[in-house]
PDB file of N, CA and C in Angstrom:
ATOM      1  N   UNK A   1      84.799  80.743  82.378  1.00  0.00           N
ATOM      2  CA  UNK A   1      85.575  81.640  81.511  1.00  0.00           C
ATOM      3  C   UNK A   1      87.101  81.365  81.747  1.00  0.00           C
ATOM      4  N   UNK A   2      87.853  81.257  80.675  1.00  0.00           N
ATOM      5  CA  UNK A   2      89.269  81.042  80.865  1.00  0.00           C
ATOM      6  C   UNK A   2      90.101  82.333  80.986  1.00  0.00           C
ATOM      7  N   UNK A   3      91.116  82.317  81.937  1.00  0.00           N
ATOM      8  CA  UNK A   3      91.906  83.490  82.152  1.00  0.00           C
ATOM      9  C   UNK A   3      92.960  83.593  81.097  1.00  0.00           C
ATOM     10  N   UNK A   4      92.983  84.652  80.331  1.00  0.00           N
ATOM     11  CA  UNK A   4      93.928  84.795  79.173  1.00  0.00           C
ATOM     12  C   UNK A   4      95.195  85.504  79.549  1.00  0.00           C
ATOM     13  N   UNK A   5      95.392  85.795  80.784  1.00  0.00           N
ATOM     14  CA  UNK A   5      96.593  86.541  81.240  1.00  0.00           C
ATOM     15  C   UNK A   5      97.861  85.673  80.957  1.00  0.00           C
ATOM     16  N   UNK A   6      98.902  86.328  80.511  1.00  0.00           N
ATOM     17  CA  UNK A   6     100.163  85.554  80.256  1.00  0.00           C
ATOM     18  C   UNK A   6     101.324  86.022  81.267  1.00  0.00           C
ATOM     19  N   UNK A   7     100.991  87.012  81.960  1.00  0.00           N
ATOM     20  CA  UNK A   7     102.091  87.451  82.939  1.00  0.00           C
ATOM     21  C   UNK A   7     101.455  87.492  84.348  1.00  0.00           C
ATOM     22  N   UNK A   8     102.316  87.269  85.330  1.00  0.00           N
ATOM     23  CA  UNK A   8     101.860  87.249  86.660  1.00  0.00           C
ATOM     24  C   UNK A   8     101.539  88.689  87.180  1.00  0.00           C
ATOM     25  N   UNK A   9     100.379  88.801  87.879  1.00  0.00           N
ATOM     26  CA  UNK A   9      99.934  90.108  88.453  1.00  0.00           C
ATOM     27  C   UNK A   9     100.441  90.265  89.802  1.00  0.00           C
ATOM     28  N   UNK A  10     100.712  91.541  90.212  1.00  0.00           N
ATOM     29  CA  UNK A  10     101.216  91.848  91.620  1.00  0.00           C
ATOM     30  C   UNK A  10     100.152  92.758  92.118  1.00  0.00           C
ATOM     31  N   UNK A  11      99.541  92.459  93.278  1.00  0.00           N
ATOM     32  CA  UNK A  11      98.661  93.424  93.944  1.00  0.00           C
ATOM     33  C   UNK A  11      99.442  94.498  94.633  1.00  0.00           C
ATOM     34  N   UNK A  12      99.476  95.743  94.013  1.00  0.00           N
ATOM     35  CA  UNK A  12     100.244  96.825  94.542  1.00  0.00           C
ATOM     36  C   UNK A  12      99.439  98.127  94.454  1.00  0.00           C
ATOM     37  N   UNK A  13      99.455  98.818  95.501  1.00  0.00           N
ATOM     38  CA  UNK A  13      98.835 100.114  95.566  1.00  0.00           C
ATOM     39  C   UNK A  13      99.888 101.232  95.418  1.00  0.00           C
ATOM     40  N   UNK A  14      99.986 101.714  94.236  1.00  0.00           N
ATOM     41  CA  UNK A  14     101.107 102.781  93.861  1.00  0.00           C
ATOM     42  C   UNK A  14     100.286 104.018  93.286  1.00  0.00           C
ATOM     43  N   UNK A  15     100.905 105.196  93.632  1.00  0.00           N
ATOM     44  CA  UNK A  15     100.313 106.347  93.024  1.00  0.00           C
ATOM     45  C   UNK A  15     100.513 106.414  91.576  1.00  0.00           C
ATOM     46  N   UNK A  16      99.437 106.777  90.779  1.00  0.00           N
ATOM     47  CA  UNK A  16      99.612 106.994  89.355  1.00  0.00           C
ATOM     48  C   UNK A  16      99.041 108.261  88.917  1.00  0.00           C
ATOM     49  N   UNK A  17      99.751 108.865  87.951  1.00  0.00           N
ATOM     50  CA  UNK A  17      99.300 110.135  87.464  1.00  0.00           C
ATOM     51  C   UNK A  17      98.938 109.853  85.950  1.00  0.00           C
ATOM     52  N   UNK A  18      97.742 110.193  85.599  1.00  0.00           N
ATOM     53  CA  UNK A  18      97.235 109.950  84.249  1.00  0.00           C
ATOM     54  C   UNK A  18      97.268 111.242  83.531  1.00  0.00           C
ATOM     55  N   UNK A  19      98.033 111.346  82.441  1.00  0.00           N
ATOM     56  CA  UNK A  19      98.135 112.547  81.626  1.00  0.00           C
ATOM     57  C   UNK A  19      97.260 112.172  80.412  1.00  0.00           C
ATOM     58  N   UNK A  20      95.992 112.622  80.400  1.00  0.00           N
ATOM     59  CA  UNK A  20      95.108 112.374  79.298  1.00  0.00           C
ATOM     60  C   UNK A  20      95.072 113.403  78.229  1.00  0.00           C
ATOM     61  N   UNK A  21      95.927 114.440  78.364  1.00  0.00           N
ATOM     62  CA  UNK A  21      95.875 115.544  77.362  1.00  0.00           C
ATOM     63  C   UNK A  21      94.412 116.023  77.107  1.00  0.00           C
ATOM     64  N   UNK A  22      93.919 115.873  75.927  1.00  0.00           N
ATOM     65  CA  UNK A  22      92.602 116.379  75.574  1.00  0.00           C
ATOM     66  C   UNK A  22      91.554 115.295  75.810  1.00  0.00           C
ATOM     67  N   UNK A  23      91.920 114.001  76.275  1.00  0.00           N
ATOM     68  CA  UNK A  23      91.019 112.966  76.414  1.00  0.00           C
ATOM     69  C   UNK A  23      90.303 112.854  77.712  1.00  0.00           C
ATOM     70  N   UNK A  24      90.619 113.720  78.701  1.00  0.00           N
ATOM     71  CA  UNK A  24      90.011 113.707  80.013  1.00  0.00           C
ATOM     72  C   UNK A  24      89.394 115.036  80.349  1.00  0.00           C
ATOM     73  N   UNK A  25      88.342 115.049  81.175  1.00  0.00           N
ATOM     74  CA  UNK A  25      87.736 116.354  81.544  1.00  0.00           C
ATOM     75  C   UNK A  25      88.725 117.272  82.242  1.00  0.00           C
ATOM     76  N   UNK A  26      89.587 116.557  83.086  1.00  0.00           N
ATOM     77  CA  UNK A  26      90.702 117.327  83.788  1.00  0.00           C
ATOM     78  C   UNK A  26      91.938 117.027  83.109  1.00  0.00           C
ATOM     79  N   UNK A  27      92.957 117.936  82.901  1.00  0.00           N
ATOM     80  CA  UNK A  27      94.161 117.557  82.133  1.00  0.00           C
ATOM     81  C   UNK A  27      94.963 116.438  82.731  1.00  0.00           C
ATOM     82  N   UNK A  28      95.050 116.497  84.076  1.00  0.00           N
ATOM     83  CA  UNK A  28      95.814 115.503  84.805  1.00  0.00           C
ATOM     84  C   UNK A  28      94.907 114.863  85.973  1.00  0.00           C
ATOM     85  N   UNK A  29      94.983 113.563  86.009  1.00  0.00           N
ATOM     86  CA  UNK A  29      94.070 112.849  86.934  1.00  0.00           C
ATOM     87  C   UNK A  29      94.941 111.926  87.799  1.00  0.00           C
ATOM     88  N   UNK A  30      94.831 111.945  89.132  1.00  0.00           N
ATOM     89  CA  UNK A  30      95.603 111.095  90.051  1.00  0.00           C
ATOM     90  C   UNK A  30      94.749 109.887  90.339  1.00  0.00           C
ATOM     91  N   UNK A  31      95.398 108.783  90.594  1.00  0.00           N
ATOM     92  CA  UNK A  31      94.785 107.622  91.015  1.00  0.00           C
ATOM     93  C   UNK A  31      95.715 106.652  91.631  1.00  0.00           C
ATOM     94  N   UNK A  32      95.321 105.337  91.799  1.00  0.00           N
ATOM     95  CA  UNK A  32      96.172 104.369  92.496  1.00  0.00           C
ATOM     96  C   UNK A  32      96.010 103.090  91.713  1.00  0.00           C
ATOM     97  N   UNK A  33      97.072 102.356  91.606  1.00  0.00           N
ATOM     98  CA  UNK A  33      96.998 100.986  90.988  1.00  0.00           C
ATOM     99  C   UNK A  33      96.330 100.051  91.919  1.00  0.00           C
ATOM    100  N   UNK A  34      95.788  98.979  91.441  1.00  0.00           N
ATOM    101  CA  UNK A  34      95.247  97.941  92.249  1.00  0.00           C
ATOM    102  C   UNK A  34      96.108  96.726  92.026  1.00  0.00           C
ATOM    103  N   UNK A  35      96.461  96.478  90.785  1.00  0.00           N
ATOM    104  CA  UNK A  35      97.360  95.426  90.433  1.00  0.00           C
ATOM    105  C   UNK A  35      98.091  95.776  89.123  1.00  0.00           C
ATOM    106  N   UNK A  36      99.282  95.183  88.981  1.00  0.00           N
ATOM    107  CA  UNK A  36     100.084  95.510  87.826  1.00  0.00           C
ATOM    108  C   UNK A  36     100.976  94.253  87.354  1.00  0.00           C
ATOM    109  N   UNK A  37     101.200  94.154  86.055  1.00  0.00           N
ATOM    110  CA  UNK A  37     102.023  93.078  85.637  1.00  0.00           C
ATOM    111  C   UNK A  37     103.010  93.721  84.519  1.00  0.00           C
ATOM    112  N   UNK A  38     103.748  92.919  83.884  1.00  0.00           N
ATOM    113  CA  UNK A  38     104.674  93.453  82.953  1.00  0.00           C
ATOM    114  C   UNK A  38     103.896  93.901  81.598  1.00  0.00           C
ATOM    115  N   UNK A  39     102.730  93.330  81.483  1.00  0.00           N
ATOM    116  CA  UNK A  39     101.895  93.662  80.310  1.00  0.00           C
ATOM    117  C   UNK A  39     100.730  94.631  80.460  1.00  0.00           C
ATOM    118  N   UNK A  40     100.394  94.891  81.726  1.00  0.00           N
ATOM    119  CA  UNK A  40      99.197  95.747  81.887  1.00  0.00           C
ATOM    120  C   UNK A  40      99.008  96.192  83.397  1.00  0.00           C
ATOM    121  N   UNK A  41      97.997  96.945  83.665  1.00  0.00           N
ATOM    122  CA  UNK A  41      97.717  97.319  85.010  1.00  0.00           C
ATOM    123  C   UNK A  41      96.286  97.660  85.144  1.00  0.00           C
ATOM    124  N   UNK A  42      95.755  97.687  86.394  1.00  0.00           N
ATOM    125  CA  UNK A  42      94.445  98.059  86.640  1.00  0.00           C
ATOM    126  C   UNK A  42      94.560  99.144  87.730  1.00  0.00           C
ATOM    127  N   UNK A  43      93.888 100.255  87.494  1.00  0.00           N
ATOM    128  CA  UNK A  43      94.000 101.394  88.478  1.00  0.00           C
ATOM    129  C   UNK A  43      92.625 102.045  88.592  1.00  0.00           C
ATOM    130  N   UNK A  44      92.489 102.851  89.672  1.00  0.00           N
ATOM    131  CA  UNK A  44      91.219 103.635  89.887  1.00  0.00           C
ATOM    132  C   UNK A  44      91.555 105.065  89.795  1.00  0.00           C
ATOM    133  N   UNK A  45      90.610 105.840  89.329  1.00  0.00           N
ATOM    134  CA  UNK A  45      90.816 107.270  89.110  1.00  0.00           C
ATOM    135  C   UNK A  45      89.395 107.902  89.139  1.00  0.00           C
ATOM    136  N   UNK A  46      89.494 109.290  89.172  1.00  0.00           N
ATOM    137  CA  UNK A  46      88.214 110.076  89.148  1.00  0.00           C
ATOM    138  C   UNK A  46      87.497 109.993  87.758  1.00  0.00           C
ATOM    139  N   UNK A  47      88.307 110.005  86.684  1.00  0.00           N
ATOM    140  CA  UNK A  47      87.786 109.829  85.404  1.00  0.00           C
ATOM    141  C   UNK A  47      88.773 109.141  84.546  1.00  0.00           C
ATOM    142  N   UNK A  48      88.279 108.698  83.356  1.00  0.00           N
ATOM    143  CA  UNK A  48      89.218 107.983  82.381  1.00  0.00           C
ATOM    144  C   UNK A  48      88.728 108.139  80.932  1.00  0.00           C
ATOM    145  N   UNK A  49      89.679 108.090  80.073  1.00  0.00           N
ATOM    146  CA  UNK A  49      89.308 108.246  78.592  1.00  0.00           C
ATOM    147  C   UNK A  49      88.575 106.946  78.149  1.00  0.00           C
ATOM    148  N   UNK A  50      88.059 106.977  76.942  1.00  0.00           N
ATOM    149  CA  UNK A  50      87.345 105.846  76.421  1.00  0.00           C
ATOM    150  C   UNK A  50      88.285 104.697  76.038  1.00  0.00           C
ATOM    151  N   UNK A  51      87.768 103.524  76.090  1.00  0.00           N
ATOM    152  CA  UNK A  51      88.648 102.309  75.646  1.00  0.00           C
ATOM    153  C   UNK A  51      89.223 102.531  74.247  1.00  0.00           C
ATOM    154  N   UNK A  52      90.438 102.119  74.040  1.00  0.00           N
ATOM    155  CA  UNK A  52      91.130 102.325  72.766  1.00  0.00           C
ATOM    156  C   UNK A  52      91.997 103.496  72.771  1.00  0.00           C
ATOM    157  N   UNK A  53      91.826 104.364  73.741  1.00  0.00           N
ATOM    158  CA  UNK A  53      92.704 105.614  73.780  1.00  0.00           C
ATOM    159  C   UNK A  53      94.059 105.388  74.333  1.00  0.00           C
ATOM    160  N   UNK A  54      95.058 105.954  73.755  1.00  0.00           N
ATOM    161  CA  UNK A  54      96.448 105.851  74.220  1.00  0.00           C
ATOM    162  C   UNK A  54      96.619 106.978  75.329  1.00  0.00           C
ATOM    163  N   UNK A  55      97.234 106.593  76.442  1.00  0.00           N
ATOM    164  CA  UNK A  55      97.498 107.606  77.523  1.00  0.00           C
ATOM    165  C   UNK A  55      98.941 107.406  78.072  1.00  0.00           C
ATOM    166  N   UNK A  56      99.393 108.493  78.658  1.00  0.00           N
ATOM    167  CA  UNK A  56     100.723 108.473  79.367  1.00  0.00           C
ATOM    168  C   UNK A  56     100.367 108.377  80.922  1.00  0.00           C
ATOM    169  N   UNK A  57     101.049 107.491  81.524  1.00  0.00           N
ATOM    170  CA  UNK A  57     100.884 107.293  82.938  1.00  0.00           C
ATOM    171  C   UNK A  57     102.292 107.433  83.590  1.00  0.00           C
ATOM    172  N   UNK A  58     102.256 107.953  84.867  1.00  0.00           N
ATOM    173  CA  UNK A  58     103.494 108.003  85.591  1.00  0.00           C
ATOM    174  C   UNK A  58     103.218 107.309  86.992  1.00  0.00           C
ATOM    175  N   UNK A  59     103.918 106.210  87.169  1.00  0.00           N
ATOM    176  CA  UNK A  59     103.923 105.478  88.444  1.00  0.00           C
ATOM    177  C   UNK A  59     104.999 105.874  89.390  1.00  0.00           C
ATOM    178  N   UNK A  60     104.716 106.004  90.612  1.00  0.00           N
ATOM    179  CA  UNK A  60     105.737 106.343  91.604  1.00  0.00           C
ATOM    180  C   UNK A  60     106.056 105.136  92.450  1.00  0.00           C
ATOM    181  N   UNK A  61     107.300 104.706  92.352  1.00  0.00           N
ATOM    182  CA  UNK A  61     107.728 103.545  93.130  1.00  0.00           C
ATOM    183  C   UNK A  61     108.413 104.158  94.382  1.00  0.00           C
ATOM    184  N   UNK A  62     108.003 103.828  95.630  1.00  0.00           N
ATOM    185  CA  UNK A  62     108.621 104.396  96.794  1.00  0.00           C
ATOM    186  C   UNK A  62     110.035 103.869  97.085  1.00  0.00           C
ATOM    187  N   UNK A  63     110.793 104.583  97.836  1.00  0.00           N
ATOM    188  CA  UNK A  63     112.150 104.156  98.150  1.00  0.00           C
ATOM    189  C   UNK A  63     112.183 102.764  98.870  1.00  0.00           C
ATOM    190  N   UNK A  64     111.132 102.584  99.723  1.00  0.00           N
ATOM    191  CA  UNK A  64     111.088 101.285 100.397  1.00  0.00           C
ATOM    192  C   UNK A  64     110.999 100.057  99.527  1.00  0.00           C
ATOM    193  N   UNK A  65     110.491 100.268  98.348  1.00  0.00           N
ATOM    194  CA  UNK A  65     110.199  99.224  97.348  1.00  0.00           C
ATOM    195  C   UNK A  65     111.490  99.067  96.415  1.00  0.00           C
ATOM    196  N   UNK A  66     112.166 100.237  96.152  1.00  0.00           N
ATOM    197  CA  UNK A  66     113.352 100.203  95.198  1.00  0.00           C
ATOM    198  C   UNK A  66     114.634 100.027  95.891  1.00  0.00           C
ATOM    199  N   UNK A  67     114.700 100.026  97.273  1.00  0.00           N
ATOM    200  CA  UNK A  67     115.959  99.897  98.005  1.00  0.00           C
ATOM    201  C   UNK A  67     116.731 101.137  98.100  1.00  0.00           C
ATOM    202  N   UNK A  68     116.126 102.255  98.151  1.00  0.00           N
ATOM    203  CA  UNK A  68     116.919 103.565  98.246  1.00  0.00           C
ATOM    204  C   UNK A  68     116.268 104.731  97.924  1.00  0.00           C
ATOM    205  N   UNK A  69     116.323 105.067  96.615  1.00  0.00           N
ATOM    206  CA  UNK A  69     115.730 106.301  96.160  1.00  0.00           C
ATOM    207  C   UNK A  69     114.417 106.034  95.366  1.00  0.00           C
ATOM    208  N   UNK A  70     113.631 107.061  95.246  1.00  0.00           N
ATOM    209  CA  UNK A  70     112.288 106.940  94.591  1.00  0.00           C
ATOM    210  C   UNK A  70     112.535 106.771  93.154  1.00  0.00           C
ATOM    211  N   UNK A  71     111.697 105.975  92.489  1.00  0.00           N
ATOM    212  CA  UNK A  71     111.792 105.733  91.042  1.00  0.00           C
ATOM    213  C   UNK A  71     110.517 106.018  90.376  1.00  0.00           C
ATOM    214  N   UNK A  72     110.548 106.582  89.262  1.00  0.00           N
ATOM    215  CA  UNK A  72     109.250 106.808  88.426  1.00  0.00           C
ATOM    216  C   UNK A  72     109.318 105.934  87.275  1.00  0.00           C
ATOM    217  N   UNK A  73     108.169 105.391  86.975  1.00  0.00           N
ATOM    218  CA  UNK A  73     107.928 104.555  85.708  1.00  0.00           C
ATOM    219  C   UNK A  73     106.996 105.364  84.832  1.00  0.00           C
ATOM    220  N   UNK A  74     107.537 105.741  83.625  1.00  0.00           N
ATOM    221  CA  UNK A  74     106.652 106.487  82.645  1.00  0.00           C
ATOM    222  C   UNK A  74     106.135 105.380  81.725  1.00  0.00           C
ATOM    223  N   UNK A  75     104.848 105.337  81.553  1.00  0.00           N
ATOM    224  CA  UNK A  75     104.161 104.279  80.799  1.00  0.00           C
ATOM    225  C   UNK A  75     103.327 104.841  79.593  1.00  0.00           C
ATOM    226  N   UNK A  76     103.373 104.225  78.518  1.00  0.00           N
ATOM    227  CA  UNK A  76     102.518 104.487  77.395  1.00  0.00           C
ATOM    228  C   UNK A  76     101.530 103.343  77.408  1.00  0.00           C
ATOM    229  N   UNK A  77     100.253 103.601  77.571  1.00  0.00           N
ATOM    230  CA  UNK A  77      99.300 102.372  77.610  1.00  0.00           C
ATOM    231  C   UNK A  77      98.082 102.660  76.868  1.00  0.00           C
ATOM    232  N   UNK A  78      97.424 101.597  76.482  1.00  0.00           N
ATOM    233  CA  UNK A  78      96.146 101.608  75.695  1.00  0.00           C
ATOM    234  C   UNK A  78      95.017 101.328  76.735  1.00  0.00           C
ATOM    235  N   UNK A  79      94.039 102.119  76.821  1.00  0.00           N
ATOM    236  CA  UNK A  79      92.926 101.797  77.746  1.00  0.00           C
ATOM    237  C   UNK A  79      92.159 100.614  77.114  1.00  0.00           C
ATOM    238  N   UNK A  80      91.923  99.513  77.880  1.00  0.00           N
ATOM    239  CA  UNK A  80      91.212  98.382  77.409  1.00  0.00           C
ATOM    240  C   UNK A  80      89.795  98.406  77.811  1.00  0.00           C
ATOM    241  N   UNK A  81      89.511  98.738  79.090  1.00  0.00           N
ATOM    242  CA  UNK A  81      88.085  98.902  79.574  1.00  0.00           C
ATOM    243  C   UNK A  81      87.987  99.795  80.788  1.00  0.00           C
ATOM    244  N   UNK A  82      86.812 100.465  80.877  1.00  0.00           N
ATOM    245  CA  UNK A  82      86.586 101.318  81.956  1.00  0.00           C
ATOM    246  C   UNK A  82      85.301 100.869  82.707  1.00  0.00           C
ATOM    247  N   UNK A  83      85.412 100.665  83.979  1.00  0.00           N
ATOM    248  CA  UNK A  83      84.305 100.245  84.769  1.00  0.00           C
ATOM    249  C   UNK A  83      83.636 101.570  85.291  1.00  0.00           C
ATOM    250  N   UNK A  84      82.332 101.712  85.164  1.00  0.00           N
ATOM    251  CA  UNK A  84      81.702 103.029  85.565  1.00  0.00           C
ATOM    252  C   UNK A  84      81.840 103.270  87.095  1.00  0.00           C
ATOM    253  N   UNK A  85      81.740 104.419  87.491  1.00  0.00           N
ATOM    254  CA  UNK A  85      81.964 104.860  88.963  1.00  0.00           C
ATOM    255  C   UNK A  85      80.982 104.111  89.865  1.00  0.00           C
ATOM    256  N   UNK A  86      79.718 103.795  89.362  1.00  0.00           N
ATOM    257  CA  UNK A  86      78.759 103.148  90.205  1.00  0.00           C
ATOM    258  C   UNK A  86      79.130 101.705  90.590  1.00  0.00           C
ATOM    259  N   UNK A  87      80.070 101.152  89.911  1.00  0.00           N
ATOM    260  CA  UNK A  87      80.500  99.750  90.192  1.00  0.00           C
ATOM    261  C   UNK A  87      81.258  99.746  91.512  1.00  0.00           C
ATOM    262  N   UNK A  88      82.129 100.708  91.739  1.00  0.00           N
ATOM    263  CA  UNK A  88      82.934 100.743  92.941  1.00  0.00           C
ATOM    264  C   UNK A  88      82.358 101.458  94.046  1.00  0.00           C
ATOM    265  N   UNK A  89      82.532 101.092  95.256  1.00  0.00           N
ATOM    266  CA  UNK A  89      82.082 101.678  96.467  1.00  0.00           C
ATOM    267  C   UNK A  89      82.618 103.094  96.680  1.00  0.00           C
ATOM    268  N   UNK A  90      83.813 103.339  96.202  1.00  0.00           N
ATOM    269  CA  UNK A  90      84.350 104.649  96.478  1.00  0.00           C
ATOM    270  C   UNK A  90      84.096 105.666  95.312  1.00  0.00           C
ATOM    271  N   UNK A  91      83.328 105.341  94.367  1.00  0.00           N
ATOM    272  CA  UNK A  91      82.802 106.309  93.373  1.00  0.00           C
ATOM    273  C   UNK A  91      83.781 106.540  92.287  1.00  0.00           C
ATOM    274  N   UNK A  92      84.976 105.883  92.275  1.00  0.00           N
ATOM    275  CA  UNK A  92      85.888 106.066  91.304  1.00  0.00           C
ATOM    276  C   UNK A  92      85.720 105.096  90.139  1.00  0.00           C
ATOM    277  N   UNK A  93      86.266 105.433  89.027  1.00  0.00           N
ATOM    278  CA  UNK A  93      86.131 104.482  87.878  1.00  0.00           C
ATOM    279  C   UNK A  93      87.372 103.551  87.910  1.00  0.00           C
ATOM    280  N   UNK A  94      87.125 102.280  87.492  1.00  0.00           N
ATOM    281  CA  UNK A  94      88.181 101.257  87.459  1.00  0.00           C
ATOM    282  C   UNK A  94      88.659 101.222  86.115  1.00  0.00           C
ATOM    283  N   UNK A  95      89.885 101.162  85.797  1.00  0.00           N
ATOM    284  CA  UNK A  95      90.525 101.246  84.451  1.00  0.00           C
ATOM    285  C   UNK A  95      91.482 100.137  84.257  1.00  0.00           C
ATOM    286  N   UNK A  96      91.241  99.289  83.211  1.00  0.00           N
ATOM    287  CA  UNK A  96      92.267  98.334  82.772  1.00  0.00           C
ATOM    288  C   UNK A  96      93.018  98.853  81.603  1.00  0.00           C
ATOM    289  N   UNK A  97      94.321  98.713  81.607  1.00  0.00           N
ATOM    290  CA  UNK A  97      95.188  99.231  80.466  1.00  0.00           C
ATOM    291  C   UNK A  97      96.271  98.289  80.109  1.00  0.00           C
ATOM    292  N   UNK A  98      96.541  98.191  78.865  1.00  0.00           N
ATOM    293  CA  UNK A  98      97.671  97.360  78.393  1.00  0.00           C
ATOM    294  C   UNK A  98      98.994  98.227  78.161  1.00  0.00           C
ATOM    295  N   UNK A  99     100.035  97.788  78.797  1.00  0.00           N
ATOM    296  CA  UNK A  99     101.258  98.550  78.645  1.00  0.00           C
ATOM    297  C   UNK A  99     101.889  98.343  77.314  1.00  0.00           C
ATOM    298  N   UNK A 100     102.129  99.512  76.599  1.00  0.00           N
ATOM    299  CA  UNK A 100     102.763  99.470  75.239  1.00  0.00           C
ATOM    300  C   UNK A 100     104.204  99.603  75.303  1.00  0.00           C
ATOM    301  N   UNK A 101     104.658 100.507  76.233  1.00  0.00           N
ATOM    302  CA  UNK A 101     106.065 100.935  76.392  1.00  0.00           C
ATOM    303  C   UNK A 101     106.168 101.489  77.785  1.00  0.00           C
ATOM    304  N   UNK A 102     107.441 101.290  78.333  1.00  0.00           N
ATOM    305  CA  UNK A 102     107.649 101.969  79.656  1.00  0.00           C
ATOM    306  C   UNK A 102     109.131 102.440  79.670  1.00  0.00           C
ATOM    307  N   UNK A 103     109.442 103.357  80.599  1.00  0.00           N
ATOM    308  CA  UNK A 103     110.696 103.870  80.783  1.00  0.00           C
ATOM    309  C   UNK A 103     110.816 104.095  82.314  1.00  0.00           C
ATOM    310  N   UNK A 104     111.969 103.535  82.862  1.00  0.00           N
ATOM    311  CA  UNK A 104     112.220 103.685  84.286  1.00  0.00           C
ATOM    312  C   UNK A 104     113.242 104.776  84.526  1.00  0.00           C
ATOM    313  N   UNK A 105     112.851 105.699  85.506  1.00  0.00           N
ATOM    314  CA  UNK A 105     113.720 106.824  85.722  1.00  0.00           C
ATOM    315  C   UNK A 105     113.776 106.993  87.245  1.00  0.00           C
ATOM    316  N   UNK A 106     115.024 107.549  87.711  1.00  0.00           N
ATOM    317  CA  UNK A 106     115.095 107.913  89.113  1.00  0.00           C
ATOM    318  C   UNK A 106     114.206 109.249  89.245  1.00  0.00           C
ATOM    319  N   UNK A 107     113.706 109.397  90.402  1.00  0.00           N
ATOM    320  CA  UNK A 107     112.727 110.555  90.709  1.00  0.00           C
ATOM    321  C   UNK A 107     113.480 111.853  90.267  1.00  0.00           C
ATOM    322  N   UNK A 108     114.738 111.892  90.561  1.00  0.00           N
ATOM    323  CA  UNK A 108     115.533 113.125  90.234  1.00  0.00           C
ATOM    324  C   UNK A 108     115.769 113.373  88.756  1.00  0.00           C
ATOM    325  N   UNK A 109     115.556 112.420  87.928  1.00  0.00           N
ATOM    326  CA  UNK A 109     115.743 112.525  86.478  1.00  0.00           C
ATOM    327  C   UNK A 109     114.428 112.712  85.730  1.00  0.00           C
ATOM    328  N   UNK A 110     113.239 112.866  86.498  1.00  0.00           N
ATOM    329  CA  UNK A 110     111.993 112.948  85.823  1.00  0.00           C
ATOM    330  C   UNK A 110     111.968 114.020  84.878  1.00  0.00           C
ATOM    331  N   UNK A 111     111.205 113.660  83.736  1.00  0.00           N
ATOM    332  CA  UNK A 111     111.051 114.688  82.612  1.00  0.00           C
ATOM    333  C   UNK A 111     110.009 115.674  83.007  1.00  0.00           C
ATOM    334  N   UNK A 112     110.151 116.904  82.700  1.00  0.00           N
ATOM    335  CA  UNK A 112     109.165 117.816  82.897  1.00  0.00           C
ATOM    336  C   UNK A 112     107.933 117.632  81.988  1.00  0.00           C
ATOM    337  N   UNK A 113     106.702 117.769  82.568  1.00  0.00           N
ATOM    338  CA  UNK A 113     105.492 117.522  81.767  1.00  0.00           C
ATOM    339  C   UNK A 113     105.225 118.795  80.891  1.00  0.00           C
TER     340      UNK A 113
END
């Protein structure tokens, strides 16, 4: 099978907050990225919406990575696939999402939810 990725992936474990509004059993779900690129990301969480759903994600970049202060990346993404909880040893679902749009903010400029 040929790899169709067009952007380099970076293996990074970053905190991610998934705001699924009405699409998740819990209004806000926390998770962690496994890898990320300029076009998409893969993360794990307790639950996820169905493929095709648009979601808002907030990624937290630590000061050590940004060279000083914390940075938040607000992302609008489309869920591409969801791997069921039974596939992963930790019982969490794996989620692949395509980044549609993103906005980079200092942690102090974060928009209220």
